[in-house]
PDB file of all heavy atoms in Angstrom:
ATOM      1  N   VAL A   1     -82.434  85.573 -47.065  1.00  0.00           N
ATOM      2  CA  VAL A   1     -82.737  86.129 -45.745  1.00  0.00           C
ATOM      3  C   VAL A   1     -83.602  85.183 -44.904  1.00  0.00           C
ATOM      4  O   VAL A   1     -83.862  85.471 -43.724  1.00  0.00           O
ATOM      5  CB  VAL A   1     -83.434  87.500 -45.850  1.00  0.00           C
ATOM      6  CG1 VAL A   1     -82.608  88.447 -46.699  1.00  0.00           C
ATOM      7  CG2 VAL A   1     -84.846  87.380 -46.379  1.00  0.00           C
ATOM      8  N   GLN A   2     -84.058  84.103 -45.497  1.00  0.00           N
ATOM      9  CA  GLN A   2     -84.917  83.156 -44.793  1.00  0.00           C
ATOM     10  C   GLN A   2     -84.253  82.714 -43.493  1.00  0.00           C
ATOM     11  O   GLN A   2     -83.090  82.303 -43.481  1.00  0.00           O
ATOM     12  CB  GLN A   2     -85.189  81.935 -45.684  1.00  0.00           C
ATOM     13  CG  GLN A   2     -86.067  80.876 -45.067  1.00  0.00           C
ATOM     14  CD  GLN A   2     -87.523  81.275 -45.075  1.00  0.00           C
ATOM     15  OE1 GLN A   2     -88.044  81.749 -46.085  1.00  0.00           O
ATOM     16  NE2 GLN A   2     -88.204  81.076 -43.965  1.00  0.00           N
ATOM     17  N   GLY A   3     -84.998  82.792 -42.387  1.00  0.00           N
ATOM     18  CA  GLY A   3     -84.485  82.362 -41.093  1.00  0.00           C
ATOM     19  C   GLY A   3     -83.740  83.442 -40.332  1.00  0.00           C
ATOM     20  O   GLY A   3     -83.430  83.266 -39.148  1.00  0.00           O
ATOM     21  N   ARG A   4     -83.443  84.562 -40.977  1.00  0.00           N
ATOM     22  CA  ARG A   4     -82.724  85.654 -40.310  1.00  0.00           C
ATOM     23  C   ARG A   4     -83.580  86.919 -40.201  1.00  0.00           C
ATOM     24  O   ARG A   4     -83.413  87.695 -39.259  1.00  0.00           O
ATOM     25  CB  ARG A   4     -81.446  85.989 -41.079  1.00  0.00           C
ATOM     26  CG  ARG A   4     -80.466  84.840 -41.167  1.00  0.00           C
ATOM     27  CD  ARG A   4     -79.133  85.301 -41.787  1.00  0.00           C
ATOM     28  NE  ARG A   4     -79.291  85.777 -43.152  1.00  0.00           N
ATOM     29  CZ  ARG A   4     -78.940  86.995 -43.551  1.00  0.00           C
ATOM     30  NH1 ARG A   4     -78.442  87.870 -42.691  1.00  0.00           N
ATOM     31  NH2 ARG A   4     -79.102  87.351 -44.822  1.00  0.00           N
ATOM     32  N   PHE A   5     -84.446  87.144 -41.158  1.00  0.00           N
ATOM     33  CA  PHE A   5     -85.288  88.341 -41.178  1.00  0.00           C
ATOM     34  C   PHE A   5     -86.729  87.962 -40.876  1.00  0.00           C
ATOM     35  O   PHE A   5     -87.179  86.862 -41.222  1.00  0.00           O
ATOM     36  CB  PHE A   5     -85.235  89.011 -42.561  1.00  0.00           C
ATOM     37  CG  PHE A   5     -83.924  89.657 -42.905  1.00  0.00           C
ATOM     38  CD1 PHE A   5     -82.775  89.464 -42.157  1.00  0.00           C
ATOM     39  CD2 PHE A   5     -83.849  90.484 -44.021  1.00  0.00           C
ATOM     40  CE1 PHE A   5     -81.581  90.063 -42.492  1.00  0.00           C
ATOM     41  CE2 PHE A   5     -82.668  91.096 -44.377  1.00  0.00           C
ATOM     42  CZ  PHE A   5     -81.533  90.877 -43.609  1.00  0.00           C
ATOM     43  N   THR A   6     -87.461  88.913 -40.270  1.00  0.00           N
ATOM     44  CA  THR A   6     -88.866  88.706 -39.959  1.00  0.00           C
ATOM     45  C   THR A   6     -89.654  89.956 -40.327  1.00  0.00           C
ATOM     46  O   THR A   6     -89.303  91.058 -39.899  1.00  0.00           O
ATOM     47  CB  THR A   6     -89.063  88.409 -38.473  1.00  0.00           C
ATOM     48  OG1 THR A   6     -88.281  87.273 -38.094  1.00  0.00           O
ATOM     49  CG2 THR A   6     -90.529  88.110 -38.177  1.00  0.00           C
ATOM     50  N   ILE A   7     -90.703  89.765 -41.106  1.00  0.00           N
ATOM     51  CA  ILE A   7     -91.584  90.874 -41.470  1.00  0.00           C
ATOM     52  C   ILE A   7     -92.839  90.802 -40.607  1.00  0.00           C
ATOM     53  O   ILE A   7     -93.342  89.718 -40.302  1.00  0.00           O
ATOM     54  CB  ILE A   7     -91.937  90.847 -42.975  1.00  0.00           C
ATOM     55  CG1 ILE A   7     -92.705  92.110 -43.379  1.00  0.00           C
ATOM     56  CG2 ILE A   7     -92.707  89.585 -43.339  1.00  0.00           C
ATOM     57  CD1 ILE A   7     -92.901  92.251 -44.888  1.00  0.00           C
ATOM     58  N   ALA A   8     -93.317  91.971 -40.209  1.00  0.00           N
ATOM     59  CA  ALA A   8     -94.548  92.059 -39.420  1.00  0.00           C
ATOM     60  C   ALA A   8     -95.237  93.372 -39.765  1.00  0.00           C
ATOM     61  O   ALA A   8     -94.616  94.289 -40.306  1.00  0.00           O
ATOM     62  CB  ALA A   8     -94.231  91.994 -37.932  1.00  0.00           C
ATOM     63  N   ARG A   9     -96.520  93.444 -39.449  1.00  0.00           N
ATOM     64  CA  ARG A   9     -97.256  94.662 -39.740  1.00  0.00           C
ATOM     65  C   ARG A   9     -98.203  95.011 -38.598  1.00  0.00           C
ATOM     66  O   ARG A   9     -98.694  94.119 -37.881  1.00  0.00           O
ATOM     67  CB  ARG A   9     -98.031  94.536 -41.059  1.00  0.00           C
ATOM     68  CG  ARG A   9     -99.139  93.510 -41.062  1.00  0.00           C
ATOM     69  CD  ARG A   9     -99.681  93.303 -42.487  1.00  0.00           C
ATOM     70  NE  ARG A   9    -100.341  94.504 -42.982  1.00  0.00           N
ATOM     71  CZ  ARG A   9    -100.564  94.739 -44.270  1.00  0.00           C
ATOM     72  NH1 ARG A   9    -100.188  93.864 -45.194  1.00  0.00           N
ATOM     73  NH2 ARG A   9    -101.183  95.842 -44.650  1.00  0.00           N
ATOM     74  N   ASP A  10     -98.480  96.285 -38.465  1.00  0.00           N
ATOM     75  CA  ASP A  10     -99.424  96.799 -37.479  1.00  0.00           C
ATOM     76  C   ASP A  10    -100.378  97.712 -38.239  1.00  0.00           C
ATOM     77  O   ASP A  10    -100.093  98.895 -38.441  1.00  0.00           O
ATOM     78  CB  ASP A  10     -98.666  97.555 -36.382  1.00  0.00           C
ATOM     79  CG  ASP A  10     -99.582  98.113 -35.314  1.00  0.00           C
ATOM     80  OD1 ASP A  10    -100.809  98.102 -35.501  1.00  0.00           O
ATOM     81  OD2 ASP A  10     -99.066  98.576 -34.287  1.00  0.00           O
ATOM     82  N   ASN A  11    -101.486  97.160 -38.670  1.00  0.00           N
ATOM     83  CA  ASN A  11    -102.412  97.937 -39.500  1.00  0.00           C
ATOM     84  C   ASN A  11    -103.006  99.116 -38.732  1.00  0.00           C
ATOM     85  O   ASN A  11    -103.311 100.152 -39.327  1.00  0.00           O
ATOM     86  CB  ASN A  11    -103.525  97.038 -40.038  1.00  0.00           C
ATOM     87  CG  ASN A  11    -103.036  96.078 -41.103  1.00  0.00           C
ATOM     88  OD1 ASN A  11    -101.986  96.275 -41.718  1.00  0.00           O
ATOM     89  ND2 ASN A  11    -103.782  95.008 -41.323  1.00  0.00           N
ATOM     90  N   ALA A  12    -103.175  98.955 -37.445  1.00  0.00           N
ATOM     91  CA  ALA A  12    -103.756 100.038 -36.651  1.00  0.00           C
ATOM     92  C   ALA A  12    -102.873 101.280 -36.664  1.00  0.00           C
ATOM     93  O   ALA A  12    -103.372 102.404 -36.539  1.00  0.00           O
ATOM     94  CB  ALA A  12    -103.986  99.575 -35.222  1.00  0.00           C
ATOM     95  N   HIS A  13    -101.568 101.059 -36.825  1.00  0.00           N
ATOM     96  CA  HIS A  13    -100.624 102.169 -36.851  1.00  0.00           C
ATOM     97  C   HIS A  13    -100.000 102.383 -38.232  1.00  0.00           C
ATOM     98  O   HIS A  13     -99.023 103.122 -38.369  1.00  0.00           O
ATOM     99  CB  HIS A  13     -99.521 101.956 -35.816  1.00  0.00           C
ATOM    100  CG  HIS A  13    -100.018 102.018 -34.402  1.00  0.00           C
ATOM    101  ND1 HIS A  13    -100.440 100.905 -33.703  1.00  0.00           N
ATOM    102  CD2 HIS A  13    -100.201 103.078 -33.565  1.00  0.00           C
ATOM    103  CE1 HIS A  13    -100.839 101.263 -32.502  1.00  0.00           C
ATOM    104  NE2 HIS A  13    -100.708 102.578 -32.384  1.00  0.00           N
ATOM    105  N   ASN A  14    -100.583 101.722 -39.231  1.00  0.00           N
ATOM    106  CA  ASN A  14    -100.116 101.908 -40.616  1.00  0.00           C
ATOM    107  C   ASN A  14     -98.609 101.740 -40.750  1.00  0.00           C
ATOM    108  O   ASN A  14     -97.942 102.527 -41.430  1.00  0.00           O
ATOM    109  CB  ASN A  14    -100.524 103.289 -41.135  1.00  0.00           C
ATOM    110  CG  ASN A  14    -101.971 103.332 -41.555  1.00  0.00           C
ATOM    111  OD1 ASN A  14    -102.515 102.354 -42.050  1.00  0.00           O
ATOM    112  ND2 ASN A  14    -102.603 104.466 -41.326  1.00  0.00           N
ATOM    113  N   THR A  15     -98.096 100.698 -40.122  1.00  0.00           N
ATOM    114  CA  THR A  15     -96.648 100.504 -40.109  1.00  0.00           C
ATOM    115  C   THR A  15     -96.296  99.047 -40.398  1.00  0.00           C
ATOM    116  O   THR A  15     -96.987  98.138 -39.941  1.00  0.00           O
ATOM    117  CB  THR A  15     -96.061 100.922 -38.756  1.00  0.00           C
ATOM    118  OG1 THR A  15     -96.436 102.275 -38.478  1.00  0.00           O
ATOM    119  CG2 THR A  15     -94.539 100.823 -38.767  1.00  0.00           C
ATOM    120  N   VAL A  16     -95.228  98.875 -41.135  1.00  0.00           N
ATOM    121  CA  VAL A  16     -94.669  97.553 -41.417  1.00  0.00           C
ATOM    122  C   VAL A  16     -93.235  97.538 -40.908  1.00  0.00           C
ATOM    123  O   VAL A  16     -92.528  98.546 -40.997  1.00  0.00           O
ATOM    124  CB  VAL A  16     -94.688  97.255 -42.925  1.00  0.00           C
ATOM    125  CG1 VAL A  16     -94.107  95.892 -43.224  1.00  0.00           C
ATOM    126  CG2 VAL A  16     -96.097  97.356 -43.459  1.00  0.00           C
ATOM    127  N   TYR A  17     -92.825  96.394 -40.393  1.00  0.00           N
ATOM    128  CA  TYR A  17     -91.492  96.274 -39.812  1.00  0.00           C
ATOM    129  C   TYR A  17     -90.700  95.173 -40.515  1.00  0.00           C
ATOM    130  O   TYR A  17     -91.270  94.205 -41.034  1.00  0.00           O
ATOM    131  CB  TYR A  17     -91.594  95.934 -38.331  1.00  0.00           C
ATOM    132  CG  TYR A  17     -92.388  96.931 -37.536  1.00  0.00           C
ATOM    133  CD1 TYR A  17     -93.727  96.686 -37.235  1.00  0.00           C
ATOM    134  CD2 TYR A  17     -91.814  98.116 -37.100  1.00  0.00           C
ATOM    135  CE1 TYR A  17     -94.472  97.595 -36.511  1.00  0.00           C
ATOM    136  CE2 TYR A  17     -92.548  99.033 -36.368  1.00  0.00           C
ATOM    137  CZ  TYR A  17     -93.875  98.769 -36.080  1.00  0.00           C
ATOM    138  OH  TYR A  17     -94.609  99.675 -35.356  1.00  0.00           O
ATOM    139  N   LEU A  18     -89.408  95.322 -40.490  1.00  0.00           N
ATOM    140  CA  LEU A  18     -88.513  94.260 -40.927  1.00  0.00           C
ATOM    141  C   LEU A  18     -87.433  94.106 -39.865  1.00  0.00           C
ATOM    142  O   LEU A  18     -86.564  94.975 -39.724  1.00  0.00           O
ATOM    143  CB  LEU A  18     -87.888  94.568 -42.284  1.00  0.00           C
ATOM    144  CG  LEU A  18     -87.010  93.451 -42.853  1.00  0.00           C
ATOM    145  CD1 LEU A  18     -87.859  92.237 -43.233  1.00  0.00           C
ATOM    146  CD2 LEU A  18     -86.208  93.931 -44.058  1.00  0.00           C
ATOM    147  N   GLN A  19     -87.516  93.039 -39.098  1.00  0.00           N
ATOM    148  CA  GLN A  19     -86.496  92.718 -38.101  1.00  0.00           C
ATOM    149  C   GLN A  19     -85.398  91.929 -38.787  1.00  0.00           C
ATOM    150  O   GLN A  19     -85.668  90.863 -39.350  1.00  0.00           O
ATOM    151  CB  GLN A  19     -87.110  91.915 -36.959  1.00  0.00           C
ATOM    152  CG  GLN A  19     -86.114  91.486 -35.900  1.00  0.00           C
ATOM    153  CD  GLN A  19     -85.528  92.645 -35.127  1.00  0.00           C
ATOM    154  OE1 GLN A  19     -86.249  93.574 -34.778  1.00  0.00           O
ATOM    155  NE2 GLN A  19     -84.234  92.600 -34.854  1.00  0.00           N
ATOM    156  N   MET A  20     -84.193  92.444 -38.722  1.00  0.00           N
ATOM    157  CA  MET A  20     -83.062  91.804 -39.398  1.00  0.00           C
ATOM    158  C   MET A  20     -82.049  91.363 -38.358  1.00  0.00           C
ATOM    159  O   MET A  20     -81.468  92.205 -37.644  1.00  0.00           O
ATOM    160  CB  MET A  20     -82.420  92.788 -40.383  1.00  0.00           C
ATOM    161  CG  MET A  20     -83.411  93.368 -41.386  1.00  0.00           C
ATOM    162  SD  MET A  20     -82.639  94.375 -42.652  1.00  0.00           S
ATOM    163  CE  MET A  20     -81.992  95.717 -41.657  1.00  0.00           C
ATOM    164  N   ASP A  21     -81.841  90.091 -38.230  1.00  0.00           N
ATOM    165  CA  ASP A  21     -80.894  89.512 -37.276  1.00  0.00           C
ATOM    166  C   ASP A  21     -79.768  88.798 -38.017  1.00  0.00           C
ATOM    167  O   ASP A  21     -79.892  88.484 -39.195  1.00  0.00           O
ATOM    168  CB  ASP A  21     -81.622  88.534 -36.352  1.00  0.00           C
ATOM    169  CG  ASP A  21     -82.706  89.206 -35.522  1.00  0.00           C
ATOM    170  OD1 ASP A  21     -82.463  90.316 -35.027  1.00  0.00           O
ATOM    171  OD2 ASP A  21     -83.789  88.605 -35.368  1.00  0.00           O
ATOM    172  N   SER A  22     -78.708  88.533 -37.297  1.00  0.00           N
ATOM    173  CA  SER A  22     -77.550  87.824 -37.862  1.00  0.00           C
ATOM    174  C   SER A  22     -77.126  88.453 -39.191  1.00  0.00           C
ATOM    175  O   SER A  22     -76.917  87.766 -40.194  1.00  0.00           O
ATOM    176  CB  SER A  22     -77.886  86.343 -38.073  1.00  0.00           C
ATOM    177  OG  SER A  22     -78.281  85.733 -36.865  1.00  0.00           O
ATOM    178  N   LEU A  23     -76.989  89.749 -39.175  1.00  0.00           N
ATOM    179  CA  LEU A  23     -76.675  90.472 -40.405  1.00  0.00           C
ATOM    180  C   LEU A  23     -75.298  90.120 -40.929  1.00  0.00           C
ATOM    181  O   LEU A  23     -74.359  89.867 -40.162  1.00  0.00           O
ATOM    182  CB  LEU A  23     -76.800  91.975 -40.176  1.00  0.00           C
ATOM    183  CG  LEU A  23     -78.245  92.486 -40.149  1.00  0.00           C
ATOM    184  CD1 LEU A  23     -78.324  93.842 -39.477  1.00  0.00           C
ATOM    185  CD2 LEU A  23     -78.813  92.554 -41.560  1.00  0.00           C
ATOM    186  N   LYS A  24     -75.193  90.123 -42.258  1.00  0.00           N
ATOM    187  CA  LYS A  24     -73.956  89.805 -42.955  1.00  0.00           C
ATOM    188  C   LYS A  24     -73.556  90.983 -43.841  1.00  0.00           C
ATOM    189  O   LYS A  24     -74.430  91.772 -44.251  1.00  0.00           O
ATOM    190  CB  LYS A  24     -74.162  88.574 -43.839  1.00  0.00           C
ATOM    191  CG  LYS A  24     -74.694  87.353 -43.118  1.00  0.00           C
ATOM    192  CD  LYS A  24     -74.984  86.235 -44.114  1.00  0.00           C
ATOM    193  CE  LYS A  24     -75.555  85.014 -43.418  1.00  0.00           C
ATOM    194  NZ  LYS A  24     -75.853  83.924 -44.387  1.00  0.00           N
ATOM    195  N   PRO A  25     -72.291  91.100 -44.167  1.00  0.00           N
ATOM    196  CA  PRO A  25     -71.879  92.193 -45.065  1.00  0.00           C
ATOM    197  C   PRO A  25     -72.645  92.199 -46.382  1.00  0.00           C
ATOM    198  O   PRO A  25     -72.923  93.279 -46.930  1.00  0.00           O
ATOM    199  CB  PRO A  25     -70.392  91.919 -45.278  1.00  0.00           C
ATOM    200  CG  PRO A  25     -69.963  91.243 -44.015  1.00  0.00           C
ATOM    201  CD  PRO A  25     -71.133  90.371 -43.627  1.00  0.00           C
ATOM    202  N   GLU A  26     -73.028  91.040 -46.874  1.00  0.00           N
ATOM    203  CA  GLU A  26     -73.772  90.973 -48.137  1.00  0.00           C
ATOM    204  C   GLU A  26     -75.207  91.464 -48.004  1.00  0.00           C
ATOM    205  O   GLU A  26     -75.926  91.564 -49.010  1.00  0.00           O
ATOM    206  CB  GLU A  26     -73.755  89.556 -48.714  1.00  0.00           C
ATOM    207  CG  GLU A  26     -74.151  88.477 -47.734  1.00  0.00           C
ATOM    208  CD  GLU A  26     -72.947  87.802 -47.085  1.00  0.00           C
ATOM    209  OE1 GLU A  26     -71.986  88.526 -46.670  1.00  0.00           O
ATOM    210  OE2 GLU A  26     -72.960  86.558 -46.966  1.00  0.00           O
ATOM    211  N   ASP A  27     -75.650  91.777 -46.800  1.00  0.00           N
ATOM    212  CA  ASP A  27     -76.964  92.396 -46.610  1.00  0.00           C
ATOM    213  C   ASP A  27     -76.919  93.904 -46.848  1.00  0.00           C
ATOM    214  O   ASP A  27     -77.969  94.565 -46.843  1.00  0.00           O
ATOM    215  CB  ASP A  27     -77.492  92.134 -45.195  1.00  0.00           C
ATOM    216  CG  ASP A  27     -77.789  90.665 -44.944  1.00  0.00           C
ATOM    217  OD1 ASP A  27     -78.336  90.011 -45.853  1.00  0.00           O
ATOM    218  OD2 ASP A  27     -77.464  90.180 -43.836  1.00  0.00           O
ATOM    219  N   THR A  28     -75.736  94.445 -47.051  1.00  0.00           N
ATOM    220  CA  THR A  28     -75.582  95.870 -47.291  1.00  0.00           C
ATOM    221  C   THR A  28     -76.314  96.276 -48.563  1.00  0.00           C
ATOM    222  O   THR A  28     -76.089  95.702 -49.637  1.00  0.00           O
ATOM    223  CB  THR A  28     -74.095  96.242 -47.408  1.00  0.00           C
ATOM    224  OG1 THR A  28     -73.461  96.004 -46.146  1.00  0.00           O
ATOM    225  CG2 THR A  28     -73.924  97.704 -47.801  1.00  0.00           C
ATOM    226  N   ALA A  29     -77.218  97.239 -48.438  1.00  0.00           N
ATOM    227  CA  ALA A  29     -78.038  97.678 -49.575  1.00  0.00           C
ATOM    228  C   ALA A  29     -78.937  98.820 -49.119  1.00  0.00           C
ATOM    229  O   ALA A  29     -79.017  99.135 -47.929  1.00  0.00           O
ATOM    230  CB  ALA A  29     -78.908  96.524 -50.081  1.00  0.00           C
ATOM    231  N   ILE A  30     -79.612  99.411 -50.085  1.00  0.00           N
ATOM    232  CA  ILE A  30     -80.725 100.304 -49.770  1.00  0.00           C
ATOM    233  C   ILE A  30     -81.974  99.435 -49.682  1.00  0.00           C
ATOM    234  O   ILE A  30     -82.239  98.641 -50.592  1.00  0.00           O
ATOM    235  CB  ILE A  30     -80.903 101.399 -50.830  1.00  0.00           C
ATOM    236  CG1 ILE A  30     -79.648 102.264 -50.907  1.00  0.00           C
ATOM    237  CG2 ILE A  30     -82.126 102.252 -50.515  1.00  0.00           C
ATOM    238  CD1 ILE A  30     -79.676 103.285 -52.023  1.00  0.00           C
ATOM    239  N   TYR A  31     -82.710  99.584 -48.605  1.00  0.00           N
ATOM    240  CA  TYR A  31     -83.908  98.781 -48.375  1.00  0.00           C
ATOM    241  C   TYR A  31     -85.142  99.638 -48.659  1.00  0.00           C
ATOM    242  O   TYR A  31     -85.276 100.750 -48.137  1.00  0.00           O
ATOM    243  CB  TYR A  31     -83.931  98.258 -46.944  1.00  0.00           C
ATOM    244  CG  TYR A  31     -83.005  97.087 -46.754  1.00  0.00           C
ATOM    245  CD1 TYR A  31     -81.620  97.251 -46.768  1.00  0.00           C
ATOM    246  CD2 TYR A  31     -83.505  95.792 -46.599  1.00  0.00           C
ATOM    247  CE1 TYR A  31     -80.760  96.174 -46.641  1.00  0.00           C
ATOM    248  CE2 TYR A  31     -82.650  94.708 -46.449  1.00  0.00           C
ATOM    249  CZ  TYR A  31     -81.291  94.903 -46.476  1.00  0.00           C
ATOM    250  OH  TYR A  31     -80.444  93.832 -46.343  1.00  0.00           O
ATOM    251  N   TYR A  32     -86.036  99.075 -49.461  1.00  0.00           N
ATOM    252  CA  TYR A  32     -87.250  99.767 -49.874  1.00  0.00           C
ATOM    253  C   TYR A  32     -88.488  99.052 -49.366  1.00  0.00           C
ATOM    254  O   TYR A  32     -88.575  97.822 -49.437  1.00  0.00           O
ATOM    255  CB  TYR A  32     -87.320  99.831 -51.401  1.00  0.00           C
ATOM    256  CG  TYR A  32     -86.218 100.609 -52.058  1.00  0.00           C
ATOM    257  CD1 TYR A  32     -85.050  99.977 -52.466  1.00  0.00           C
ATOM    258  CD2 TYR A  32     -86.350 101.970 -52.279  1.00  0.00           C
ATOM    259  CE1 TYR A  32     -84.028 100.683 -53.089  1.00  0.00           C
ATOM    260  CE2 TYR A  32     -85.332 102.692 -52.897  1.00  0.00           C
ATOM    261  CZ  TYR A  32     -84.181 102.040 -53.297  1.00  0.00           C
ATOM    262  OH  TYR A  32     -83.173 102.742 -53.905  1.00  0.00           O
ATOM    263  N   CYS A  33     -89.429  99.841 -48.924  1.00  0.00           N
ATOM    264  CA  CYS A  33     -90.748  99.344 -48.560  1.00  0.00           C
ATOM    265  C   CYS A  33     -91.667  99.502 -49.761  1.00  0.00           C
ATOM    266  O   CYS A  33     -91.538 100.476 -50.521  1.00  0.00           O
ATOM    267  CB  CYS A  33     -91.263 100.161 -47.367  1.00  0.00           C
ATOM    268  SG  CYS A  33     -92.921  99.769 -46.820  1.00  0.00           S
ATOM    269  N   ALA A  34     -92.597  98.576 -49.938  1.00  0.00           N
ATOM    270  CA  ALA A  34     -93.496  98.628 -51.084  1.00  0.00           C
ATOM    271  C   ALA A  34     -94.874  98.117 -50.707  1.00  0.00           C
ATOM    272  O   ALA A  34     -95.016  97.285 -49.808  1.00  0.00           O
ATOM    273  CB  ALA A  34     -92.929  97.793 -52.233  1.00  0.00           C
ATOM    274  N   ALA A  35     -95.877  98.615 -51.429  1.00  0.00           N
ATOM    275  CA  ALA A  35     -97.271  98.229 -51.191  1.00  0.00           C
ATOM    276  C   ALA A  35     -97.885  97.648 -52.456  1.00  0.00           C
ATOM    277  O   ALA A  35     -97.661  98.165 -53.554  1.00  0.00           O
ATOM    278  CB  ALA A  35     -98.080  99.442 -50.724  1.00  0.00           C
ATOM    279  N   LYS A  36     -98.674  96.611 -52.282  1.00  0.00           N
ATOM    280  CA  LYS A  36     -99.304  95.904 -53.405  1.00  0.00           C
ATOM    281  C   LYS A  36    -100.814  95.975 -53.240  1.00  0.00           C
ATOM    282  O   LYS A  36    -101.349  95.478 -52.235  1.00  0.00           O
ATOM    283  CB  LYS A  36     -98.849  94.442 -53.416  1.00  0.00           C
ATOM    284  CG  LYS A  36     -99.487  93.570 -54.470  1.00  0.00           C
ATOM    285  CD  LYS A  36     -99.007  92.136 -54.326  1.00  0.00           C
ATOM    286  CE  LYS A  36     -99.602  91.204 -55.369  1.00  0.00           C
ATOM    287  NZ  LYS A  36    -101.065  91.170 -55.340  1.00  0.00           N
ATOM    288  N   ARG A  37    -101.475  96.581 -54.213  1.00  0.00           N
ATOM    289  CA  ARG A  37    -102.941  96.640 -54.174  1.00  0.00           C
ATOM    290  C   ARG A  37    -103.531  95.236 -54.202  1.00  0.00           C
ATOM    291  O   ARG A  37    -102.965  94.300 -54.741  1.00  0.00           O
ATOM    292  CB  ARG A  37    -103.479  97.436 -55.360  1.00  0.00           C
ATOM    293  CG  ARG A  37    -103.277  98.933 -55.248  1.00  0.00           C
ATOM    294  CD  ARG A  37    -104.126  99.666 -56.278  1.00  0.00           C
ATOM    295  NE  ARG A  37    -103.757  99.276 -57.618  1.00  0.00           N
ATOM    296  CZ  ARG A  37    -102.919  99.979 -58.377  1.00  0.00           C
ATOM    297  NH1 ARG A  37    -102.375 101.066 -57.917  1.00  0.00           N
ATOM    298  NH2 ARG A  37    -102.653  99.578 -59.599  1.00  0.00           N
ATOM    299  N   GLY A  38    -104.688  95.102 -53.582  1.00  0.00           N
ATOM    300  CA  GLY A  38    -105.354  93.804 -53.549  1.00  0.00           C
ATOM    301  C   GLY A  38    -105.149  93.092 -52.226  1.00  0.00           C
ATOM    302  O   GLY A  38    -106.017  92.341 -51.789  1.00  0.00           O
ATOM    303  N   GLY A  39    -103.985  93.327 -51.624  1.00  0.00           N
ATOM    304  CA  GLY A  39    -103.793  92.853 -50.263  1.00  0.00           C
ATOM    305  C   GLY A  39    -103.372  91.410 -50.113  1.00  0.00           C
ATOM    306  O   GLY A  39    -102.964  90.998 -49.023  1.00  0.00           O
ATOM    307  N   ARG A  40    -103.457  90.632 -51.187  1.00  0.00           N
ATOM    308  CA  ARG A  40    -103.218  89.204 -51.041  1.00  0.00           C
ATOM    309  C   ARG A  40    -102.153  88.710 -52.002  1.00  0.00           C
ATOM    310  O   ARG A  40    -101.905  89.284 -53.040  1.00  0.00           O
ATOM    311  CB  ARG A  40    -104.500  88.410 -51.313  1.00  0.00           C
ATOM    312  CG  ARG A  40    -105.622  88.656 -50.337  1.00  0.00           C
ATOM    313  CD  ARG A  40    -106.842  87.820 -50.702  1.00  0.00           C
ATOM    314  NE  ARG A  40    -107.905  87.924 -49.709  1.00  0.00           N
ATOM    315  CZ  ARG A  40    -108.841  88.855 -49.726  1.00  0.00           C
ATOM    316  NH1 ARG A  40    -108.831  89.761 -50.674  1.00  0.00           N
ATOM    317  NH2 ARG A  40    -109.774  88.861 -48.796  1.00  0.00           N
TER     318      ARG A  40
END
């Protein structure tokens, strides 16, 4: 997905985004959001 997708976050609104451009049929899937303790 490098070069086609962009991840961003808005901590003030507790939201994370995934902008997906130039989508391909092989991108078809269930997409899951996940959180990692520690933050880094």
